[in-house]
Amino acid sequence: MKLPRRHFLQLATGAAALPPVSLIARAQSYPSRPVHLLVGFAAGGPNDIIARLIGQWLSERLGQPVIVENRPGAASNIAAEALVKAPPDGYTLLLLGSTNAINATLYEKLSFNLSRDIAPVASIIRQPNVMLVNPSVPAKAVPEFIAYAKANPGKINMASSGNGSASHVCGELFKTMAGVNMVHVPYRGGAPALTDLLAGQVQVYFVPIPASIEYIRTGRLRALAVTTATRSETLPETSTVDEFVPGYEASGWFGVVAPGNTPAAVIEKLNKEINAGLADPKLKAKLTDLGGTVISGSPADFGKLIAEEIEKWAKVIKFAGIKPD
């Protein structure tokens, strides 16, 4: 049967209107079943703690369980790959962090493209590292450390939790911007690096505040500066590296992402609820207890942060010739 042109155009117009209506209806009913929040690291660490705090909040706000699912391995690349392969329906999310932005350049043969294959949902928190030295180092401030390092080129050992880790690239950025020569000593994790820093086997380490705060308070390690652009509420008397090395900024950050092509209405709903959590005094206090500052914003704001971090660390990794373990 041949349809008159007028009837055909009416049907075509109606069909074109269906997808938006369908997406709106889907967003209004979302979620109708449990949501899985993937974490690329083992239970008990900072990534896991942040995910469980956000997951609990979302469970209460969305009326469905948000199940935190730990998928450790390959520096969080396993969890990221699982996310991008998941259906883009909002039922699989990932706690993305600064490690993922580093990995985008560090690993040359990833099966996904972080910039292309994810949909930013909401940023959550930014955490400074702290530049720690063993008390035997004759420096109580960044300028003194730089002068000491320049007077002793290649004689200062800089610890990290592994090649390409956040602590490693933080240190490499400092070396480049401060013009100092330090020997990188990679460890398999942060705990052995801290142990050797305490013992004086290495002299400096860029480490997250929560892992080192007790050593700082007891005087077993000396905090020279924090790595964020602003001072930390946890260590308010400690300067920033930027105060002496203008433009230096290196921080850990976390946020939630979904698979690429997830409906905008679902993204907006999740963003709204996460931002409501970041404004809640109780949840905000729990997050800041981890040594960071909440960073709420739109999905576009988070997407901009991710893009900027990928670009920044790509330059450091290529310049320093960093390769994964």
Protein backbone atom coordinates (compact mmCIF):
# COMPACT_ATOMS: atom_id res chain seq x y z
CA MET A 1 0.00 0.00 0.00
CA LYS A 2 1.33 3.38 -0.98
CA LEU A 3 0.88 6.08 1.66
CA PRO A 4 0.02 9.64 0.63
CA ARG A 5 2.99 11.95 1.14
CA ARG A 6 1.12 13.92 3.81
CA HIS A 7 0.47 10.77 5.88
CA PHE A 8 4.05 9.63 5.46
CA LEU A 9 5.41 12.93 6.77
CA GLN A 10 3.05 12.76 9.75
CA LEU A 11 4.29 9.26 10.63
CA ALA A 12 7.92 10.26 10.17
CA THR A 13 7.48 13.28 12.41
CA GLY A 14 5.85 11.16 15.07
CA ALA A 15 8.59 8.56 14.93
CA ALA A 16 11.28 11.21 15.27
CA ALA A 17 9.61 12.42 18.45
CA LEU A 18 9.60 9.00 20.08
CA PRO A 19 13.25 8.70 21.23
CA PRO A 20 13.23 11.85 23.41
CA VAL A 21 9.90 10.82 24.97
CA SER A 22 11.26 7.34 25.57
CA LEU A 23 14.42 8.74 27.17
CA ILE A 24 12.42 11.04 29.42
CA ALA A 25 10.20 8.17 30.53
CA ARG A 26 13.26 6.03 31.16
CA ALA A 27 14.89 8.74 33.26
CA GLN A 28 11.70 9.28 35.25
CA SER A 29 11.56 5.57 36.11
CA TYR A 30 15.32 5.30 36.67
CA PRO A 31 16.47 3.39 38.57
CA SER A 32 14.05 0.49 38.69
CA ARG A 33 16.67 -2.03 39.82
CA PRO A 34 20.04 -2.06 41.66
CA VAL A 35 22.89 0.12 40.35
CA HIS A 36 26.48 -1.15 40.37
CA LEU A 37 29.29 1.25 41.24
CA LEU A 38 32.64 -0.20 40.13
CA VAL A 39 35.87 0.51 42.01
CA GLY A 40 39.23 -0.34 40.45
CA PHE A 41 40.95 -1.06 43.77
CA ALA A 42 40.56 -3.48 46.67
CA ALA A 43 38.18 -2.87 49.55
CA GLY A 44 39.36 -0.72 52.43
CA GLY A 45 41.36 1.90 50.53
CA PRO A 46 40.42 5.55 49.90
CA ASN A 47 38.75 4.75 46.57
CA ASP A 48 36.58 2.12 48.21
CA ILE A 49 35.67 4.35 51.17
CA ILE A 50 34.60 7.22 48.90
CA ALA A 51 32.57 4.86 46.71
CA ARG A 52 30.75 3.40 49.70
CA LEU A 53 29.93 6.83 51.12
CA ILE A 54 28.52 7.98 47.76
CA GLY A 55 26.84 4.61 47.18
CA GLN A 56 25.02 4.73 50.49
CA TRP A 57 23.83 8.27 49.81
CA LEU A 58 22.60 7.39 46.33
CA SER A 59 20.84 4.27 47.62
CA GLU A 60 18.81 6.42 49.98
CA ARG A 61 18.06 9.10 47.39
CA LEU A 62 17.29 6.82 44.46
CA GLY A 63 15.30 4.20 46.33
CA GLN A 64 17.36 1.33 44.90
CA PRO A 65 20.50 -0.40 46.21
CA VAL A 66 23.77 0.96 44.88
CA ILE A 67 26.15 -1.98 45.06
CA VAL A 68 29.85 -1.16 45.32
CA GLU A 69 31.75 -3.73 43.28
CA ASN A 70 35.52 -3.95 43.70
CA ARG A 71 37.37 -4.99 40.55
CA PRO A 72 41.04 -4.42 41.35
CA GLY A 73 43.85 -4.99 38.92
CA ALA A 74 45.99 -3.31 36.26
CA ALA A 75 46.01 0.01 38.13
CA SER A 76 42.19 0.25 37.85
CA ASN A 77 42.13 -0.45 34.10
CA ILE A 78 40.11 -3.66 34.60
CA ALA A 79 37.25 -1.75 36.22
CA ALA A 80 37.42 1.00 33.59
CA GLU A 81 37.22 -1.55 30.79
CA ALA A 82 34.23 -3.20 32.46
CA LEU A 83 32.47 0.15 32.57
CA VAL A 84 32.93 1.03 28.91
CA LYS A 85 31.67 -2.43 27.90
CA ALA A 86 28.54 -2.10 30.05
CA PRO A 87 25.16 -1.05 28.57
CA PRO A 88 24.81 2.76 28.60
CA ASP A 89 21.72 2.75 30.79
CA GLY A 90 22.95 4.16 34.10
CA TYR A 91 22.98 0.83 35.92
CA THR A 92 26.77 0.51 35.79
CA LEU A 93 28.90 3.39 37.07
CA LEU A 94 32.59 3.79 37.90
CA LEU A 95 34.42 5.73 40.56
CA LEU A 96 36.98 7.45 38.33
CA GLY A 97 40.15 8.95 39.78
CA SER A 98 43.33 10.76 38.87
CA THR A 99 44.97 7.35 38.35
CA ASN A 100 42.73 6.84 35.33
CA ALA A 101 43.84 10.15 33.82
CA ILE A 102 47.46 9.06 34.25
CA ASN A 103 46.74 5.64 32.76
CA ALA A 104 45.31 7.20 29.61
CA THR A 105 48.89 7.94 28.49
CA LEU A 106 50.89 5.52 30.64
CA TYR A 107 49.34 2.44 29.02
CA GLU A 108 49.74 2.49 25.25
CA LYS A 109 47.44 -0.43 24.38
CA LEU A 110 44.26 0.10 26.38
CA SER A 111 41.14 -1.39 24.82
CA PHE A 112 39.24 1.85 25.40
CA ASN A 113 39.68 5.59 25.04
CA LEU A 114 38.95 7.37 28.31
CA SER A 115 38.11 10.66 26.61
CA ARG A 116 35.72 9.07 24.15
CA ASP A 117 34.16 6.09 25.93
CA ILE A 118 32.89 7.55 29.21
CA ALA A 119 30.19 10.03 30.19
CA PRO A 120 31.18 12.26 33.13
CA VAL A 121 28.51 12.36 35.83
CA ALA A 122 29.83 14.30 38.83
CA SER A 123 33.08 15.20 40.54
CA ILE A 124 33.29 14.40 44.28
CA ILE A 125 36.52 15.28 46.02
CA ARG A 126 40.03 16.59 45.47
CA GLN A 127 42.84 15.42 47.78
CA PRO A 128 46.32 16.89 48.10
CA ASN A 129 49.45 14.88 48.41
CA VAL A 130 52.00 16.09 50.92
CA MET A 131 55.71 16.46 50.16
CA LEU A 132 57.35 14.52 53.00
CA VAL A 133 60.99 14.28 53.96
CA ASN A 134 62.87 12.27 56.50
CA PRO A 135 63.93 14.52 59.42
CA SER A 136 67.57 13.91 58.50
CA VAL A 137 67.08 16.11 55.42
CA PRO A 138 68.34 19.61 56.33
CA ALA A 139 65.31 21.43 54.94
CA LYS A 140 62.22 22.76 56.65
CA ALA A 141 60.68 24.47 53.62
CA VAL A 142 60.53 23.95 49.88
CA PRO A 143 63.16 26.60 48.98
CA GLU A 144 65.64 25.00 51.39
CA PHE A 145 64.93 21.57 49.90
CA ILE A 146 65.46 22.87 46.35
CA ALA A 147 68.77 24.46 47.36
CA TYR A 148 69.86 21.23 49.08
CA ALA A 149 68.87 19.13 46.05
CA LYS A 150 70.74 21.41 43.66
CA ALA A 151 73.83 21.22 45.87
CA ASN A 152 73.56 17.41 45.88
CA PRO A 153 72.42 16.40 42.38
CA GLY A 154 71.49 12.74 42.04
CA LYS A 155 72.06 12.06 45.74
CA ILE A 156 68.45 12.40 46.93
CA ASN A 157 66.26 9.32 46.62
CA MET A 158 62.60 9.99 45.79
CA ALA A 159 60.21 7.19 46.74
CA SER A 160 57.00 6.33 44.93
CA SER A 161 54.36 3.63 45.20
CA GLY A 162 55.30 2.38 41.73
CA ASN A 163 56.23 3.47 38.23
CA GLY A 164 53.51 5.72 36.86
CA SER A 165 51.75 6.03 40.20
CA ALA A 166 50.33 9.35 41.37
CA SER A 167 53.23 9.78 43.79
CA HIS A 168 55.70 9.17 40.96
CA VAL A 169 54.23 11.69 38.51
CA CYS A 170 53.85 14.26 41.33
CA GLY A 171 57.56 13.92 41.99
CA GLU A 172 58.51 14.06 38.32
CA LEU A 173 56.47 17.24 37.89
CA PHE A 174 58.30 18.76 40.87
CA LYS A 175 61.69 17.74 39.48
CA THR A 176 60.91 19.39 36.16
CA MET A 177 59.44 22.60 37.51
CA ALA A 178 61.98 23.05 40.34
CA GLY A 179 64.95 22.07 38.18
CA VAL A 180 66.31 19.42 40.54
CA ASN A 181 67.80 15.99 39.96
CA MET A 182 66.52 13.20 42.21
CA VAL A 183 66.76 9.43 41.87
CA HIS A 184 63.40 7.74 41.56
CA VAL A 185 62.97 4.62 43.74
CA PRO A 186 59.72 2.79 42.93
CA TYR A 187 58.07 0.46 45.46
CA ARG A 188 55.23 -2.00 45.15
CA GLY A 189 52.75 0.08 47.10
CA GLY A 190 52.73 2.99 49.49
CA ALA A 191 53.38 1.09 52.73
CA PRO A 192 56.93 -0.10 51.89
CA ALA A 193 57.76 3.36 50.53
CA LEU A 194 56.71 4.94 53.83
CA THR A 195 58.68 2.33 55.77
CA ASP A 196 61.89 3.19 53.94
CA LEU A 197 61.21 6.93 54.25
CA LEU A 198 60.89 6.51 58.02
CA ALA A 199 64.14 4.54 58.03
CA GLY A 200 65.97 7.16 55.96
CA GLN A 201 66.60 4.82 53.03
CA VAL A 202 64.85 7.39 50.82
CA GLN A 203 64.66 11.09 51.55
CA VAL A 204 61.45 12.42 49.97
CA TYR A 205 58.01 11.05 49.09
CA PHE A 206 54.85 12.68 47.71
CA VAL A 207 52.12 10.83 49.58
CA PRO A 208 48.38 11.23 50.31
CA ILE A 209 47.70 13.01 53.60
CA PRO A 210 45.58 10.25 55.23
CA ALA A 211 48.44 7.74 54.91
CA SER A 212 50.97 10.05 56.54
CA ILE A 213 49.14 12.37 58.92
CA GLU A 214 50.07 10.51 62.14
CA TYR A 215 53.76 10.46 61.20
CA ILE A 216 53.59 14.21 60.58
CA ARG A 217 51.85 14.90 63.89
CA THR A 218 54.34 12.83 65.86
CA GLY A 219 57.33 14.43 64.13
CA ARG A 220 58.61 11.21 62.62
CA LEU A 221 58.31 12.76 59.16
CA ARG A 222 58.44 16.40 58.10
CA ALA A 223 55.81 17.93 55.81
CA LEU A 224 57.34 20.57 53.55
CA ALA A 225 54.27 21.41 51.46
CA VAL A 226 50.98 20.15 50.07
CA THR A 227 50.60 19.71 46.34
CA THR A 228 47.24 21.39 45.73
CA ALA A 229 46.98 25.03 44.66
CA THR A 230 45.41 25.94 48.01
CA ARG A 231 46.37 24.93 51.52
CA SER A 232 44.80 21.88 53.13
CA GLU A 233 42.27 22.18 55.94
CA THR A 234 43.95 19.14 57.51
CA LEU A 235 47.40 20.82 57.50
CA PRO A 236 46.54 24.54 57.46
CA GLU A 237 50.02 25.65 58.58
CA THR A 238 51.73 23.76 55.79
CA SER A 239 52.48 25.79 52.67
CA THR A 240 51.69 24.73 49.12
CA VAL A 241 54.41 23.85 46.63
CA ASP A 242 52.90 26.53 44.39
CA GLU A 243 53.91 29.24 46.87
CA PHE A 244 57.55 28.57 45.94
CA VAL A 245 57.24 26.82 42.56
CA PRO A 246 54.59 28.92 40.78
CA GLY A 247 52.10 26.90 38.77
CA TYR A 248 52.76 23.59 40.47
CA GLU A 249 49.57 21.63 41.19
CA ALA A 250 49.12 17.90 41.60
CA SER A 251 46.24 16.30 43.40
CA GLY A 252 44.21 13.17 43.67
CA TRP A 253 40.57 13.51 42.70
CA PHE A 254 37.54 11.29 42.37
CA GLY A 255 34.22 11.39 40.60
CA VAL A 256 31.55 9.20 39.06
CA VAL A 257 31.29 8.35 35.37
CA ALA A 258 28.95 6.24 33.26
CA PRO A 259 29.43 4.48 29.92
CA GLY A 260 29.48 6.77 26.90
CA ASN A 261 26.08 7.45 25.33
CA THR A 262 24.24 7.09 28.64
CA PRO A 263 21.04 9.18 28.30
CA ALA A 264 21.53 12.80 29.34
CA ALA A 265 18.45 12.67 31.55
CA VAL A 266 19.95 9.82 33.58
CA ILE A 267 23.29 11.65 33.87
CA GLU A 268 21.51 14.80 35.05
CA LYS A 269 19.53 12.88 37.66
CA LEU A 270 22.65 11.25 39.08
CA ASN A 271 24.53 14.55 39.03
CA LYS A 272 21.73 16.26 40.94
CA GLU A 273 21.66 13.60 43.65
CA ILE A 274 25.44 13.43 44.06
CA ASN A 275 25.67 17.22 44.34
CA ALA A 276 22.93 17.14 46.96
CA GLY A 277 25.11 14.70 48.91
CA LEU A 278 28.15 16.95 48.63
CA ALA A 279 26.07 19.77 50.11
CA ASP A 280 24.84 17.60 52.99
CA PRO A 281 26.82 18.52 56.15
CA LYS A 282 27.14 14.93 57.39
CA LEU A 283 28.34 13.42 54.13
CA LYS A 284 30.55 16.41 53.41
CA ALA A 285 32.21 16.03 56.83
CA LYS A 286 32.90 12.34 56.19
CA LEU A 287 34.52 13.15 52.85
CA THR A 288 36.64 16.00 54.20
CA ASP A 289 37.82 13.71 57.00
CA LEU A 290 39.68 11.89 54.21
CA GLY A 291 41.90 14.95 53.84
CA GLY A 292 40.26 16.48 50.80
CA THR A 293 37.85 19.16 49.60
CA VAL A 294 34.53 18.41 47.93
CA ILE A 295 34.28 19.64 44.32
CA SER A 296 30.70 19.66 43.13
CA GLY A 297 29.73 20.80 39.65
CA SER A 298 28.04 19.86 36.41
CA PRO A 299 28.90 16.86 34.22
CA ALA A 300 30.59 19.33 31.85
CA ASP A 301 32.72 20.69 34.70
CA PHE A 302 33.89 17.18 35.54
CA GLY A 303 34.54 16.42 31.88
CA LYS A 304 36.75 19.50 31.66
CA LEU A 305 38.72 18.40 34.74
CA ILE A 306 39.29 14.94 33.28
CA ALA A 307 40.48 16.36 29.94
CA GLU A 308 42.85 18.81 31.62
CA GLU A 309 44.32 16.10 33.85
CA ILE A 310 44.85 13.71 30.94
CA GLU A 311 46.69 16.45 29.05
CA LYS A 312 48.82 17.50 32.03
CA TRP A 313 50.00 14.03 32.96
CA ALA A 314 50.57 13.06 29.34
CA LYS A 315 53.22 15.79 29.13
CA VAL A 316 54.94 14.63 32.33
CA ILE A 317 54.89 10.95 31.36
CA LYS A 318 56.30 11.60 27.90
CA PHE A 319 58.95 14.04 29.10
CA ALA A 320 60.14 11.71 31.90
CA GLY A 321 59.84 8.59 29.74
CA ILE A 322 57.75 6.80 32.38
CA LYS A 323 56.78 3.20 31.64
CA PRO A 324 54.38 1.01 33.67
CA ASP A 325 55.72 -1.81 35.84
